[in-house]
């Protein structure tokens, strides 16, 4: 769509039976798209979506989030439901797990606004990197503010980049909402 979603043009009829769970646009090249599908597959287009090719196969699970570093498009993150959290430093050709202990599953990635060295990631746990994704620390919370083992989605405030929200599921339904005012170092359970 080039009119705000009022009308659409089909660009890939030959791929109509492949599921799309994640879509990302390279922030440095608006003609380069990445699309995450089932079985860990990631497709790429370099012509604004007119044609697509299989870029890589992370293996197992649904790729449900792709995040491209706004300052270095060779650095890409992908969450794979049922298989973990991954990082590529070669534009998505090869991938490595971001955490030394298997995360079990992967759901979300977000950058801290105006600081892509701070990266938030989630699976059944919540992770923070302050060094551009070179390493991640698990943040568990404590006491009444401790995360459970449910899947988590992340929201970061554009107005205040230190504010991070985590929405957690429990048994397939809403579990809890947490907020952090210190860039994800600690959280308060809101509901």
C-alpha atoms as a PDB file:
ATOM      1  CA  UNK A   1       0.000   0.000   0.000  1.00  0.00           C
ATOM      2  CA  UNK A   2       1.234   3.483  -0.797  1.00  0.00           C
ATOM      3  CA  UNK A   3      -1.898   5.320   0.359  1.00  0.00           C
ATOM      4  CA  UNK A   4      -1.928   4.560   4.084  1.00  0.00           C
ATOM      5  CA  UNK A   5      -3.592   1.145   3.694  1.00  0.00           C
ATOM      6  CA  UNK A   6      -6.681   2.263   1.767  1.00  0.00           C
ATOM      7  CA  UNK A   7      -5.781   0.050  -1.189  1.00  0.00           C
ATOM      8  CA  UNK A   8      -3.308  -2.790  -1.635  1.00  0.00           C
ATOM      9  CA  UNK A   9      -1.333  -4.338  -4.492  1.00  0.00           C
ATOM     10  CA  UNK A  10      -0.373  -8.027  -4.398  1.00  0.00           C
ATOM     11  CA  UNK A  11       3.382  -8.395  -4.849  1.00  0.00           C
ATOM     12  CA  UNK A  12       3.970 -12.083  -4.218  1.00  0.00           C
ATOM     13  CA  UNK A  13       1.248 -14.383  -5.586  1.00  0.00           C
ATOM     14  CA  UNK A  14       3.791 -17.196  -5.877  1.00  0.00           C
ATOM     15  CA  UNK A  15       4.184 -17.178  -2.070  1.00  0.00           C
ATOM     16  CA  UNK A  16       0.510 -16.980  -1.137  1.00  0.00           C
ATOM     17  CA  UNK A  17       0.507 -20.203   0.900  1.00  0.00           C
ATOM     18  CA  UNK A  18       3.422 -19.275   3.185  1.00  0.00           C
ATOM     19  CA  UNK A  19       2.561 -17.775   6.567  1.00  0.00           C
ATOM     20  CA  UNK A  20       3.907 -14.364   7.601  1.00  0.00           C
ATOM     21  CA  UNK A  21       4.413 -13.768  11.327  1.00  0.00           C
ATOM     22  CA  UNK A  22       7.003 -10.970  11.302  1.00  0.00           C
ATOM     23  CA  UNK A  23       7.808  -8.147   8.917  1.00  0.00           C
ATOM     24  CA  UNK A  24      10.669  -5.668   9.254  1.00  0.00           C
ATOM     25  CA  UNK A  25      11.950  -2.917   6.997  1.00  0.00           C
ATOM     26  CA  UNK A  26      15.626  -2.038   6.990  1.00  0.00           C
ATOM     27  CA  UNK A  27      15.745   1.448   8.580  1.00  0.00           C
ATOM     28  CA  UNK A  28      18.662   2.396   6.302  1.00  0.00           C
ATOM     29  CA  UNK A  29      17.111   1.106   3.042  1.00  0.00           C
ATOM     30  CA  UNK A  30      13.342   1.315   2.608  1.00  0.00           C
ATOM     31  CA  UNK A  31      13.459  -1.188  -0.279  1.00  0.00           C
ATOM     32  CA  UNK A  32      14.851  -3.999   1.894  1.00  0.00           C
ATOM     33  CA  UNK A  33      12.280  -6.084   3.795  1.00  0.00           C
ATOM     34  CA  UNK A  34      12.576  -9.150   6.003  1.00  0.00           C
ATOM     35  CA  UNK A  35       9.727 -11.585   6.588  1.00  0.00           C
ATOM     36  CA  UNK A  36       9.608 -14.285   9.261  1.00  0.00           C
ATOM     37  CA  UNK A  37       7.605 -17.463   8.746  1.00  0.00           C
ATOM     38  CA  UNK A  38       7.189 -20.961  10.156  1.00  0.00           C
ATOM     39  CA  UNK A  39       9.970 -23.514  10.674  1.00  0.00           C
ATOM     40  CA  UNK A  40      12.452 -20.746  11.433  1.00  0.00           C
ATOM     41  CA  UNK A  41      12.521 -19.402   7.874  1.00  0.00           C
ATOM     42  CA  UNK A  42      13.355 -15.787   7.020  1.00  0.00           C
ATOM     43  CA  UNK A  43      12.776 -14.324   3.588  1.00  0.00           C
ATOM     44  CA  UNK A  44      14.259 -11.111   2.171  1.00  0.00           C
ATOM     45  CA  UNK A  45      13.296  -8.632  -0.526  1.00  0.00           C
ATOM     46  CA  UNK A  46      15.656  -5.970  -1.882  1.00  0.00           C
ATOM     47  CA  UNK A  47      13.140  -4.433  -4.303  1.00  0.00           C
ATOM     48  CA  UNK A  48      10.397  -3.172  -2.035  1.00  0.00           C
ATOM     49  CA  UNK A  49       8.626  -6.541  -1.806  1.00  0.00           C
ATOM     50  CA  UNK A  50       8.250  -7.209  -5.551  1.00  0.00           C
ATOM     51  CA  UNK A  51      10.350 -10.383  -5.258  1.00  0.00           C
ATOM     52  CA  UNK A  52      11.467 -12.476  -2.287  1.00  0.00           C
ATOM     53  CA  UNK A  53      14.151 -15.091  -1.641  1.00  0.00           C
ATOM     54  CA  UNK A  54      14.854 -17.440   1.253  1.00  0.00           C
ATOM     55  CA  UNK A  55      17.575 -15.709   3.267  1.00  0.00           C
ATOM     56  CA  UNK A  56      18.065 -18.205   6.072  1.00  0.00           C
ATOM     57  CA  UNK A  57      16.585 -20.983   8.139  1.00  0.00           C
ATOM     58  CA  UNK A  58      17.128 -20.582  11.870  1.00  0.00           C
ATOM     59  CA  UNK A  59      15.374 -23.901  12.398  1.00  0.00           C
ATOM     60  CA  UNK A  60      12.249 -24.874  14.298  1.00  0.00           C
ATOM     61  CA  UNK A  61       9.465 -22.605  15.466  1.00  0.00           C
ATOM     62  CA  UNK A  62       7.739 -19.513  14.152  1.00  0.00           C
ATOM     63  CA  UNK A  63       9.782 -16.355  13.571  1.00  0.00           C
ATOM     64  CA  UNK A  64       7.497 -13.838  15.250  1.00  0.00           C
ATOM     65  CA  UNK A  65       9.729 -10.764  15.510  1.00  0.00           C
ATOM     66  CA  UNK A  66      12.569  -9.383  13.406  1.00  0.00           C
ATOM     67  CA  UNK A  67      14.391  -6.235  14.539  1.00  0.00           C
ATOM     68  CA  UNK A  68      17.028  -4.484  12.393  1.00  0.00           C
ATOM     69  CA  UNK A  69      19.596  -2.255  14.119  1.00  0.00           C
ATOM     70  CA  UNK A  70      18.954   1.335  12.926  1.00  0.00           C
ATOM     71  CA  UNK A  71      22.678   2.141  12.922  1.00  0.00           C
ATOM     72  CA  UNK A  72      24.003  -1.108  11.445  1.00  0.00           C
ATOM     73  CA  UNK A  73      21.698  -3.089   9.156  1.00  0.00           C
ATOM     74  CA  UNK A  74      24.052  -6.058   9.281  1.00  0.00           C
ATOM     75  CA  UNK A  75      22.962  -6.578  12.907  1.00  0.00           C
ATOM     76  CA  UNK A  76      19.508  -8.209  13.078  1.00  0.00           C
ATOM     77  CA  UNK A  77      17.609  -9.918  15.893  1.00  0.00           C
ATOM     78  CA  UNK A  78      14.894 -12.567  15.575  1.00  0.00           C
ATOM     79  CA  UNK A  79      12.664 -14.257  18.116  1.00  0.00           C
ATOM     80  CA  UNK A  80      11.582 -17.801  17.331  1.00  0.00           C
ATOM     81  CA  UNK A  81       8.618 -19.165  19.240  1.00  0.00           C
ATOM     82  CA  UNK A  82       9.588 -22.568  20.564  1.00  0.00           C
ATOM     83  CA  UNK A  83      13.264 -22.145  19.684  1.00  0.00           C
ATOM     84  CA  UNK A  84      14.735 -19.028  21.322  1.00  0.00           C
ATOM     85  CA  UNK A  85      16.268 -15.632  20.671  1.00  0.00           C
ATOM     86  CA  UNK A  86      18.811 -15.089  17.895  1.00  0.00           C
ATOM     87  CA  UNK A  87      21.215 -12.489  16.546  1.00  0.00           C
ATOM     88  CA  UNK A  88      22.848 -12.114  13.132  1.00  0.00           C
ATOM     89  CA  UNK A  89      25.853  -9.894  12.416  1.00  0.00           C
ATOM     90  CA  UNK A  90      25.954 -10.571   8.672  1.00  0.00           C
ATOM     91  CA  UNK A  91      22.598  -9.224   7.536  1.00  0.00           C
ATOM     92  CA  UNK A  92      20.644 -12.363   8.402  1.00  0.00           C
ATOM     93  CA  UNK A  93      22.674 -14.977   6.527  1.00  0.00           C
ATOM     94  CA  UNK A  94      23.796 -16.769   9.702  1.00  0.00           C
ATOM     95  CA  UNK A  95      22.340 -16.679  13.245  1.00  0.00           C
ATOM     96  CA  UNK A  96      23.526 -17.427  16.784  1.00  0.00           C
ATOM     97  CA  UNK A  97      21.651 -17.796  20.053  1.00  0.00           C
ATOM     98  CA  UNK A  98      21.943 -14.622  22.134  1.00  0.00           C
ATOM     99  CA  UNK A  99      22.001 -16.323  25.486  1.00  0.00           C
ATOM    100  CA  UNK A 100      24.301 -19.010  26.838  1.00  0.00           C
ATOM    101  CA  UNK A 101      21.428 -20.916  28.451  1.00  0.00           C
ATOM    102  CA  UNK A 102      18.674 -21.970  26.014  1.00  0.00           C
ATOM    103  CA  UNK A 103      15.740 -19.573  26.389  1.00  0.00           C
ATOM    104  CA  UNK A 104      13.238 -22.225  25.302  1.00  0.00           C
ATOM    105  CA  UNK A 105      11.222 -19.787  23.280  1.00  0.00           C
ATOM    106  CA  UNK A 106      11.373 -16.290  21.851  1.00  0.00           C
ATOM    107  CA  UNK A 107       8.685 -13.657  21.550  1.00  0.00           C
ATOM    108  CA  UNK A 108       9.903 -10.073  21.252  1.00  0.00           C
ATOM    109  CA  UNK A 109      12.797  -7.628  20.730  1.00  0.00           C
ATOM    110  CA  UNK A 110      12.847  -3.844  21.113  1.00  0.00           C
ATOM    111  CA  UNK A 111      15.539  -1.167  21.077  1.00  0.00           C
ATOM    112  CA  UNK A 112      15.676   1.632  23.601  1.00  0.00           C
ATOM    113  CA  UNK A 113      14.687   4.746  21.594  1.00  0.00           C
ATOM    114  CA  UNK A 114      17.753   6.684  20.419  1.00  0.00           C
ATOM    115  CA  UNK A 115      20.133   4.078  21.877  1.00  0.00           C
ATOM    116  CA  UNK A 116      20.362   0.814  19.890  1.00  0.00           C
ATOM    117  CA  UNK A 117      23.082  -0.382  22.284  1.00  0.00           C
ATOM    118  CA  UNK A 118      20.267  -1.109  24.751  1.00  0.00           C
ATOM    119  CA  UNK A 119      18.194  -4.051  23.543  1.00  0.00           C
ATOM    120  CA  UNK A 120      15.271  -5.694  25.310  1.00  0.00           C
ATOM    121  CA  UNK A 121      14.366  -9.294  24.513  1.00  0.00           C
ATOM    122  CA  UNK A 122      11.770 -11.718  25.782  1.00  0.00           C
ATOM    123  CA  UNK A 123      10.824 -15.339  25.741  1.00  0.00           C
ATOM    124  CA  UNK A 124       9.459 -16.893  28.878  1.00  0.00           C
ATOM    125  CA  UNK A 125      11.890 -14.520  30.616  1.00  0.00           C
ATOM    126  CA  UNK A 126      13.013 -10.911  30.077  1.00  0.00           C
ATOM    127  CA  UNK A 127      16.547  -9.961  28.984  1.00  0.00           C
ATOM    128  CA  UNK A 128      18.501  -6.700  28.643  1.00  0.00           C
ATOM    129  CA  UNK A 129      21.665  -5.945  26.710  1.00  0.00           C
ATOM    130  CA  UNK A 130      23.530  -2.682  27.272  1.00  0.00           C
ATOM    131  CA  UNK A 131      26.371  -3.438  24.857  1.00  0.00           C
ATOM    132  CA  UNK A 132      24.677  -3.684  21.466  1.00  0.00           C
ATOM    133  CA  UNK A 133      23.686  -7.297  21.884  1.00  0.00           C
ATOM    134  CA  UNK A 134      27.141  -8.678  22.678  1.00  0.00           C
ATOM    135  CA  UNK A 135      25.673 -10.147  25.867  1.00  0.00           C
ATOM    136  CA  UNK A 136      22.299 -10.242  27.619  1.00  0.00           C
ATOM    137  CA  UNK A 137      21.345 -10.384  31.301  1.00  0.00           C
ATOM    138  CA  UNK A 138      18.158 -11.984  32.540  1.00  0.00           C
ATOM    139  CA  UNK A 139      15.973  -9.694  34.672  1.00  0.00           C
ATOM    140  CA  UNK A 140      13.645 -11.666  36.944  1.00  0.00           C
ATOM    141  CA  UNK A 141      12.167  -9.084  39.289  1.00  0.00           C
ATOM    142  CA  UNK A 142      11.783  -9.785  42.968  1.00  0.00           C
ATOM    143  CA  UNK A 143       9.038 -10.486  45.480  1.00  0.00           C
ATOM    144  CA  UNK A 144       5.599  -9.429  44.275  1.00  0.00           C
ATOM    145  CA  UNK A 145       7.231  -7.907  41.172  1.00  0.00           C
ATOM    146  CA  UNK A 146       8.816 -11.162  39.995  1.00  0.00           C
ATOM    147  CA  UNK A 147       7.976 -12.341  36.485  1.00  0.00           C
ATOM    148  CA  UNK A 148       6.240 -15.680  36.017  1.00  0.00           C
ATOM    149  CA  UNK A 149       7.213 -18.151  33.294  1.00  0.00           C
ATOM    150  CA  UNK A 150       4.636 -16.949  30.725  1.00  0.00           C
ATOM    151  CA  UNK A 151       5.392 -15.447  27.304  1.00  0.00           C
ATOM    152  CA  UNK A 152       6.178 -11.736  27.324  1.00  0.00           C
ATOM    153  CA  UNK A 153       5.732  -8.831  24.904  1.00  0.00           C
ATOM    154  CA  UNK A 154       7.674  -5.573  25.277  1.00  0.00           C
ATOM    155  CA  UNK A 155       6.677  -1.938  24.838  1.00  0.00           C
ATOM    156  CA  UNK A 156       9.062   1.011  25.157  1.00  0.00           C
ATOM    157  CA  UNK A 157       7.864   4.579  25.644  1.00  0.00           C
ATOM    158  CA  UNK A 158       8.825   6.961  22.842  1.00  0.00           C
ATOM    159  CA  UNK A 159       8.222   9.905  25.214  1.00  0.00           C
ATOM    160  CA  UNK A 160      10.486   8.568  27.960  1.00  0.00           C
ATOM    161  CA  UNK A 161      13.020   6.000  26.697  1.00  0.00           C
ATOM    162  CA  UNK A 162      13.708   4.817  30.259  1.00  0.00           C
ATOM    163  CA  UNK A 163      10.145   3.478  30.576  1.00  0.00           C
ATOM    164  CA  UNK A 164       9.670  -0.153  29.527  1.00  0.00           C
ATOM    165  CA  UNK A 165       6.478  -2.194  29.751  1.00  0.00           C
ATOM    166  CA  UNK A 166       6.216  -5.979  29.769  1.00  0.00           C
ATOM    167  CA  UNK A 167       2.887  -7.668  29.122  1.00  0.00           C
ATOM    168  CA  UNK A 168       2.894 -11.268  30.308  1.00  0.00           C
ATOM    169  CA  UNK A 169       0.537 -14.105  29.421  1.00  0.00           C
ATOM    170  CA  UNK A 170      -0.463 -16.902  31.767  1.00  0.00           C
ATOM    171  CA  UNK A 171      -2.140 -20.003  30.392  1.00  0.00           C
ATOM    172  CA  UNK A 172      -3.002 -18.290  27.109  1.00  0.00           C
ATOM    173  CA  UNK A 173      -4.723 -15.292  28.729  1.00  0.00           C
ATOM    174  CA  UNK A 174      -3.628 -11.999  30.304  1.00  0.00           C
ATOM    175  CA  UNK A 175      -1.284 -12.621  33.204  1.00  0.00           C
ATOM    176  CA  UNK A 176       0.203  -9.297  34.304  1.00  0.00           C
ATOM    177  CA  UNK A 177       1.505  -5.913  33.224  1.00  0.00           C
ATOM    178  CA  UNK A 178       4.851  -4.657  34.541  1.00  0.00           C
ATOM    179  CA  UNK A 179       6.512  -1.249  34.218  1.00  0.00           C
ATOM    180  CA  UNK A 180      10.118  -0.163  34.569  1.00  0.00           C
ATOM    181  CA  UNK A 181      11.339   3.424  34.867  1.00  0.00           C
ATOM    182  CA  UNK A 182      15.046   2.507  34.821  1.00  0.00           C
ATOM    183  CA  UNK A 183      15.510   0.998  31.343  1.00  0.00           C
ATOM    184  CA  UNK A 184      14.416  -2.497  32.349  1.00  0.00           C
ATOM    185  CA  UNK A 185      16.699  -2.995  35.341  1.00  0.00           C
ATOM    186  CA  UNK A 186      13.773  -3.369  37.745  1.00  0.00           C
ATOM    187  CA  UNK A 187      10.002  -3.669  37.352  1.00  0.00           C
ATOM    188  CA  UNK A 188       6.826  -2.979  39.286  1.00  0.00           C
ATOM    189  CA  UNK A 189       3.804  -5.191  38.722  1.00  0.00           C
ATOM    190  CA  UNK A 190       0.877  -2.905  37.786  1.00  0.00           C
ATOM    191  CA  UNK A 191      -1.921  -5.488  37.533  1.00  0.00           C
END
